């Protein structure tokens, strides 16, 4: 598999899933740092959806820079640690500014 970089949008296998977790083959945005991705064999990622979302920031962030075929929202609360073996083809990339917004949203959720 090619090197996985922070900000990449890649296909991922999110099974098995339980309850309201995102499941199946779907795009994710890689949030973890490049050095972590390279040496750990895992990545930290957030699931994407193409379905319009009622919730706003900090629960979801609509992507503007990713150059995807469809509109996409990052489900910030749907964060997962995935083996790099669960990752597939790179399909896009988010901007550094959007990565900062994702981290900010996650901090709002976990810090209260």
N, C-alpha and C. Protein backbone atom coordinates (compact mmCIF):
# COMPACT_ATOMS: atom_id res chain seq x y z
N UNK A 1 0.84 -1.18 0.00
CA UNK A 1 0.00 0.00 0.00
C UNK A 1 0.88 1.24 0.00
N UNK A 2 0.44 2.25 -0.70
CA UNK A 2 1.17 3.52 -0.76
C UNK A 2 1.14 4.19 0.61
N UNK A 3 2.06 5.08 0.82
CA UNK A 3 2.15 5.83 2.07
C UNK A 3 0.84 6.58 2.32
N UNK A 4 0.35 6.52 3.55
CA UNK A 4 -0.89 7.19 3.93
C UNK A 4 -0.52 8.48 4.65
N UNK A 5 -1.05 9.59 4.18
CA UNK A 5 -0.70 10.90 4.72
C UNK A 5 -1.88 11.56 5.41
N UNK A 6 -1.58 12.37 6.41
CA UNK A 6 -2.61 13.15 7.08
C UNK A 6 -3.33 14.02 6.04
N UNK A 7 -4.65 13.98 6.08
CA UNK A 7 -5.45 14.74 5.12
C UNK A 7 -5.92 13.94 3.93
N UNK A 8 -5.36 12.73 3.73
CA UNK A 8 -5.82 11.88 2.63
C UNK A 8 -7.25 11.42 2.90
N UNK A 9 -8.01 11.29 1.83
CA UNK A 9 -9.31 10.63 1.89
C UNK A 9 -9.14 9.31 1.16
N UNK A 10 -9.40 8.22 1.87
CA UNK A 10 -9.21 6.88 1.30
C UNK A 10 -10.44 6.03 1.59
N UNK A 11 -10.62 4.99 0.76
CA UNK A 11 -11.65 4.00 1.05
C UNK A 11 -11.17 3.14 2.22
N UNK A 12 -12.12 2.77 3.09
CA UNK A 12 -11.78 1.93 4.24
C UNK A 12 -12.89 0.94 4.51
N UNK A 13 -12.50 -0.20 5.05
CA UNK A 13 -13.46 -1.20 5.49
C UNK A 13 -13.70 -0.97 6.98
N UNK A 14 -14.89 -0.51 7.33
CA UNK A 14 -15.18 -0.18 8.72
C UNK A 14 -15.90 -1.31 9.46
N UNK A 15 -15.98 -2.48 8.85
CA UNK A 15 -16.58 -3.62 9.54
C UNK A 15 -15.54 -4.31 10.40
N UNK A 16 -15.92 -4.89 11.53
CA UNK A 16 -17.28 -4.93 12.06
C UNK A 16 -17.64 -3.63 12.77
N UNK A 17 -18.92 -3.36 12.81
CA UNK A 17 -19.43 -2.17 13.49
C UNK A 17 -20.57 -2.60 14.42
N UNK A 18 -20.78 -1.80 15.45
CA UNK A 18 -21.83 -2.09 16.42
C UNK A 18 -22.67 -0.84 16.59
N UNK A 19 -23.98 -1.02 16.73
CA UNK A 19 -24.87 0.11 17.02
C UNK A 19 -24.84 1.17 15.94
N UNK A 20 -24.57 2.41 16.34
CA UNK A 20 -24.62 3.54 15.41
C UNK A 20 -23.27 3.86 14.76
N UNK A 21 -22.29 2.98 14.92
CA UNK A 21 -21.01 3.18 14.26
C UNK A 21 -21.20 3.09 12.75
N UNK A 22 -20.42 3.86 12.02
CA UNK A 22 -20.42 3.76 10.56
C UNK A 22 -19.87 2.39 10.18
N UNK A 23 -20.46 1.78 9.16
CA UNK A 23 -20.09 0.42 8.79
C UNK A 23 -19.86 0.31 7.30
N UNK A 24 -19.26 -0.80 6.92
CA UNK A 24 -19.08 -1.11 5.51
C UNK A 24 -17.89 -0.40 4.90
N UNK A 25 -17.86 -0.44 3.57
CA UNK A 25 -16.80 0.23 2.81
C UNK A 25 -17.23 1.67 2.58
N UNK A 26 -16.44 2.59 3.09
CA UNK A 26 -16.77 4.00 2.96
C UNK A 26 -15.51 4.84 3.02
N UNK A 27 -15.59 6.08 2.54
CA UNK A 27 -14.42 6.94 2.63
C UNK A 27 -14.19 7.45 4.04
N UNK A 28 -12.92 7.62 4.37
CA UNK A 28 -12.52 8.22 5.63
C UNK A 28 -11.44 9.25 5.36
N UNK A 29 -11.32 10.23 6.25
CA UNK A 29 -10.23 11.20 6.17
C UNK A 29 -9.22 10.84 7.26
N UNK A 30 -7.95 10.80 6.88
CA UNK A 30 -6.88 10.44 7.81
C UNK A 30 -6.52 11.65 8.65
N UNK A 31 -6.59 11.50 9.96
CA UNK A 31 -6.34 12.59 10.89
C UNK A 31 -4.97 12.48 11.56
N UNK A 32 -4.45 11.28 11.68
CA UNK A 32 -3.19 11.07 12.41
C UNK A 32 -1.99 11.57 11.61
N UNK A 33 -0.93 11.87 12.34
CA UNK A 33 0.29 12.42 11.76
C UNK A 33 1.00 11.39 10.89
N UNK A 34 1.70 11.86 9.88
CA UNK A 34 2.39 11.00 8.92
C UNK A 34 3.35 10.02 9.59
N UNK A 35 4.13 10.48 10.56
CA UNK A 35 5.10 9.61 11.23
C UNK A 35 4.38 8.49 12.00
N UNK A 36 3.24 8.79 12.61
CA UNK A 36 2.43 7.77 13.30
C UNK A 36 1.94 6.74 12.29
N UNK A 37 1.40 7.23 11.17
CA UNK A 37 0.85 6.33 10.14
C UNK A 37 1.93 5.39 9.62
N UNK A 38 3.12 5.92 9.42
CA UNK A 38 4.21 5.15 8.82
C UNK A 38 4.73 4.06 9.75
N UNK A 39 4.80 4.36 11.05
CA UNK A 39 5.46 3.43 11.98
C UNK A 39 4.52 2.55 12.79
N UNK A 40 3.25 2.90 12.88
CA UNK A 40 2.35 2.15 13.76
C UNK A 40 1.59 1.04 13.06
N UNK A 41 1.46 1.12 11.74
CA UNK A 41 0.63 0.15 11.03
C UNK A 41 -0.84 0.44 11.17
N UNK A 42 -1.15 1.57 11.80
CA UNK A 42 -2.54 2.01 11.96
C UNK A 42 -2.66 3.48 11.60
N UNK A 43 -3.91 3.93 11.44
CA UNK A 43 -4.20 5.35 11.24
C UNK A 43 -5.39 5.71 12.12
N UNK A 44 -5.51 6.98 12.42
CA UNK A 44 -6.70 7.49 13.09
C UNK A 44 -7.48 8.25 12.04
N UNK A 45 -8.76 7.89 11.87
CA UNK A 45 -9.54 8.42 10.77
C UNK A 45 -10.95 8.77 11.22
N UNK A 46 -11.60 9.63 10.43
CA UNK A 46 -13.00 10.00 10.63
C UNK A 46 -13.79 9.62 9.40
N UNK A 47 -14.97 9.07 9.62
CA UNK A 47 -15.81 8.61 8.52
C UNK A 47 -16.48 9.78 7.80
N UNK A 48 -16.68 9.59 6.48
CA UNK A 48 -17.38 10.56 5.66
C UNK A 48 -18.75 10.01 5.28
N UNK A 49 -19.65 10.92 4.97
CA UNK A 49 -20.96 10.55 4.44
C UNK A 49 -21.31 11.50 3.31
N UNK A 50 -22.09 11.02 2.36
CA UNK A 50 -22.57 11.88 1.27
C UNK A 50 -23.99 12.35 1.54
N UNK A 51 -24.55 11.92 2.66
CA UNK A 51 -25.91 12.32 3.02
C UNK A 51 -25.90 13.66 3.75
N UNK A 52 -26.74 14.61 3.31
CA UNK A 52 -26.80 15.90 4.02
C UNK A 52 -27.08 15.67 5.50
N UNK A 53 -26.40 16.46 6.32
CA UNK A 53 -26.47 16.29 7.76
C UNK A 53 -27.23 17.43 8.42
N UNK A 54 -28.09 17.10 9.36
CA UNK A 54 -28.82 18.13 10.11
C UNK A 54 -27.95 18.74 11.19
N UNK A 55 -27.10 17.92 11.78
CA UNK A 55 -26.21 18.42 12.82
C UNK A 55 -25.16 19.32 12.19
N UNK A 56 -24.71 20.27 12.94
CA UNK A 56 -23.66 21.16 12.44
C UNK A 56 -22.36 20.94 13.19
N UNK A 57 -21.43 21.86 12.99
CA UNK A 57 -20.15 21.81 13.67
C UNK A 57 -20.40 21.91 15.17
N UNK A 58 -19.80 21.15 16.04
CA UNK A 58 -18.64 20.31 15.87
C UNK A 58 -18.92 18.85 15.53
N UNK A 59 -20.19 18.47 15.29
CA UNK A 59 -20.47 17.06 15.01
C UNK A 59 -20.14 16.66 13.58
N UNK A 60 -20.34 17.59 12.64
CA UNK A 60 -20.01 17.32 11.24
C UNK A 60 -19.39 18.56 10.62
N UNK A 61 -18.60 18.33 9.57
CA UNK A 61 -18.01 19.44 8.82
C UNK A 61 -18.14 19.11 7.34
N UNK A 62 -18.78 20.00 6.59
CA UNK A 62 -18.86 19.80 5.15
C UNK A 62 -17.51 20.13 4.54
N UNK A 63 -17.04 19.24 3.67
CA UNK A 63 -15.75 19.46 3.01
C UNK A 63 -15.92 20.35 1.79
N UNK A 64 -15.01 21.29 1.63
CA UNK A 64 -15.04 22.17 0.47
C UNK A 64 -13.85 21.93 -0.44
N UNK A 65 -12.74 21.46 0.10
CA UNK A 65 -11.50 21.39 -0.67
C UNK A 65 -11.20 20.02 -1.26
N UNK A 66 -11.99 19.01 -0.96
CA UNK A 66 -11.61 17.63 -1.26
C UNK A 66 -11.71 17.24 -2.72
N UNK A 67 -12.42 17.97 -3.55
CA UNK A 67 -12.56 17.67 -4.97
C UNK A 67 -13.12 16.26 -5.19
N UNK A 68 -14.19 15.94 -4.47
CA UNK A 68 -14.85 14.64 -4.61
C UNK A 68 -16.01 14.77 -5.58
N UNK A 69 -16.51 13.64 -6.08
CA UNK A 69 -17.63 13.65 -7.03
C UNK A 69 -18.92 14.16 -6.42
N UNK A 70 -19.11 13.89 -5.14
CA UNK A 70 -20.32 14.29 -4.43
C UNK A 70 -19.96 15.18 -3.25
N UNK A 71 -20.96 15.93 -2.77
CA UNK A 71 -20.76 16.67 -1.53
C UNK A 71 -20.47 15.66 -0.42
N UNK A 72 -19.65 16.06 0.53
CA UNK A 72 -19.28 15.13 1.60
C UNK A 72 -19.18 15.86 2.93
N UNK A 73 -19.59 15.17 3.96
CA UNK A 73 -19.50 15.67 5.32
C UNK A 73 -18.65 14.70 6.13
N UNK A 74 -17.76 15.23 6.95
CA UNK A 74 -16.99 14.40 7.88
C UNK A 74 -17.80 14.29 9.16
N UNK A 75 -18.01 13.06 9.60
CA UNK A 75 -18.71 12.80 10.86
C UNK A 75 -17.65 12.78 11.95
N UNK A 76 -17.43 13.92 12.57
CA UNK A 76 -16.33 14.10 13.51
C UNK A 76 -16.43 13.14 14.70
N UNK A 77 -17.63 12.81 15.12
CA UNK A 77 -17.77 11.89 16.25
C UNK A 77 -17.51 10.44 15.85
N UNK A 78 -17.40 10.16 14.56
CA UNK A 78 -17.15 8.79 14.09
C UNK A 78 -15.66 8.61 13.81
N UNK A 79 -14.89 8.63 14.89
CA UNK A 79 -13.43 8.52 14.79
C UNK A 79 -13.04 7.07 15.10
N UNK A 80 -12.10 6.55 14.31
CA UNK A 80 -11.70 5.15 14.46
C UNK A 80 -10.19 5.01 14.29
N UNK A 81 -9.62 4.04 14.97
CA UNK A 81 -8.25 3.62 14.70
C UNK A 81 -8.37 2.38 13.82
N UNK A 82 -7.72 2.45 12.65
CA UNK A 82 -7.83 1.38 11.66
C UNK A 82 -6.45 0.85 11.29
N UNK A 83 -6.37 -0.44 11.06
CA UNK A 83 -5.16 -1.02 10.49
C UNK A 83 -4.99 -0.49 9.08
N UNK A 84 -3.77 -0.25 8.67
CA UNK A 84 -3.55 0.20 7.29
C UNK A 84 -3.98 -0.87 6.30
N UNK A 85 -4.13 -2.12 6.74
CA UNK A 85 -4.62 -3.18 5.86
C UNK A 85 -6.10 -3.02 5.55
N UNK A 86 -6.81 -2.19 6.32
CA UNK A 86 -8.22 -1.94 6.06
C UNK A 86 -8.43 -0.80 5.06
N UNK A 87 -7.35 -0.19 4.61
CA UNK A 87 -7.45 0.98 3.74
C UNK A 87 -7.29 0.59 2.29
N UNK A 88 -7.99 1.35 1.44
CA UNK A 88 -7.92 1.13 0.00
C UNK A 88 -7.41 2.36 -0.72
N UNK A 89 -7.93 2.57 -1.89
CA UNK A 89 -7.48 3.61 -2.81
C UNK A 89 -7.70 5.02 -2.26
N UNK A 90 -6.74 5.88 -2.53
CA UNK A 90 -6.85 7.31 -2.19
C UNK A 90 -7.78 7.96 -3.20
N UNK A 91 -8.78 8.71 -2.70
CA UNK A 91 -9.76 9.33 -3.59
C UNK A 91 -9.80 10.85 -3.47
N UNK A 92 -9.04 11.41 -2.56
CA UNK A 92 -9.05 12.86 -2.40
C UNK A 92 -8.15 13.29 -1.28
N UNK A 93 -8.24 14.57 -1.00
CA UNK A 93 -7.39 15.16 0.05
C UNK A 93 -8.10 16.39 0.59
N UNK A 94 -8.02 16.61 1.90
CA UNK A 94 -8.59 17.81 2.50
C UNK A 94 -7.47 18.80 2.78
N UNK A 95 -7.85 20.05 2.92
CA UNK A 95 -6.87 21.11 3.17
C UNK A 95 -6.38 21.07 4.61
N UNK A 96 -5.23 21.69 4.85
CA UNK A 96 -4.69 21.80 6.21
C UNK A 96 -5.67 22.56 7.10
N UNK A 97 -6.34 23.56 6.55
CA UNK A 97 -7.32 24.33 7.32
C UNK A 97 -8.49 23.44 7.76
N UNK A 98 -8.94 22.55 6.87
CA UNK A 98 -10.04 21.65 7.24
C UNK A 98 -9.58 20.65 8.30
N UNK A 99 -8.35 20.17 8.20
CA UNK A 99 -7.82 19.29 9.25
C UNK A 99 -7.86 20.01 10.60
N UNK A 100 -7.45 21.28 10.63
CA UNK A 100 -7.50 22.06 11.87
C UNK A 100 -8.92 22.14 12.40
N UNK A 101 -9.90 22.35 11.52
CA UNK A 101 -11.31 22.40 11.94
C UNK A 101 -11.77 21.05 12.50
N UNK A 102 -11.32 19.95 11.88
CA UNK A 102 -11.69 18.63 12.39
C UNK A 102 -11.14 18.39 13.78
N UNK A 103 -9.89 18.76 13.99
CA UNK A 103 -9.27 18.61 15.32
C UNK A 103 -10.00 19.51 16.33
N UNK A 104 -10.32 20.73 15.92
CA UNK A 104 -11.05 21.64 16.79
C UNK A 104 -12.42 21.06 17.17
N UNK A 105 -13.11 20.49 16.20
CA UNK A 105 -14.41 19.86 16.48
C UNK A 105 -14.30 18.69 17.42
N UNK A 106 -13.28 17.86 17.22
CA UNK A 106 -13.07 16.73 18.13
C UNK A 106 -12.75 17.23 19.53
N UNK A 107 -11.95 18.26 19.64
CA UNK A 107 -11.65 18.82 20.96
C UNK A 107 -12.89 19.34 21.65
N UNK A 108 -13.81 19.95 20.90
CA UNK A 108 -15.06 20.44 21.49
C UNK A 108 -15.90 19.29 22.01
N UNK A 109 -15.90 18.19 21.27
CA UNK A 109 -16.70 17.02 21.69
C UNK A 109 -16.12 16.37 22.93
N UNK A 110 -14.80 16.18 22.97
CA UNK A 110 -14.21 15.45 24.10
C UNK A 110 -13.92 16.33 25.31
N UNK A 111 -13.68 17.62 25.09
CA UNK A 111 -13.35 18.50 26.21
C UNK A 111 -14.60 19.13 26.83
N UNK A 112 -15.68 19.10 26.08
CA UNK A 112 -16.93 19.64 26.61
C UNK A 112 -16.98 21.06 26.58
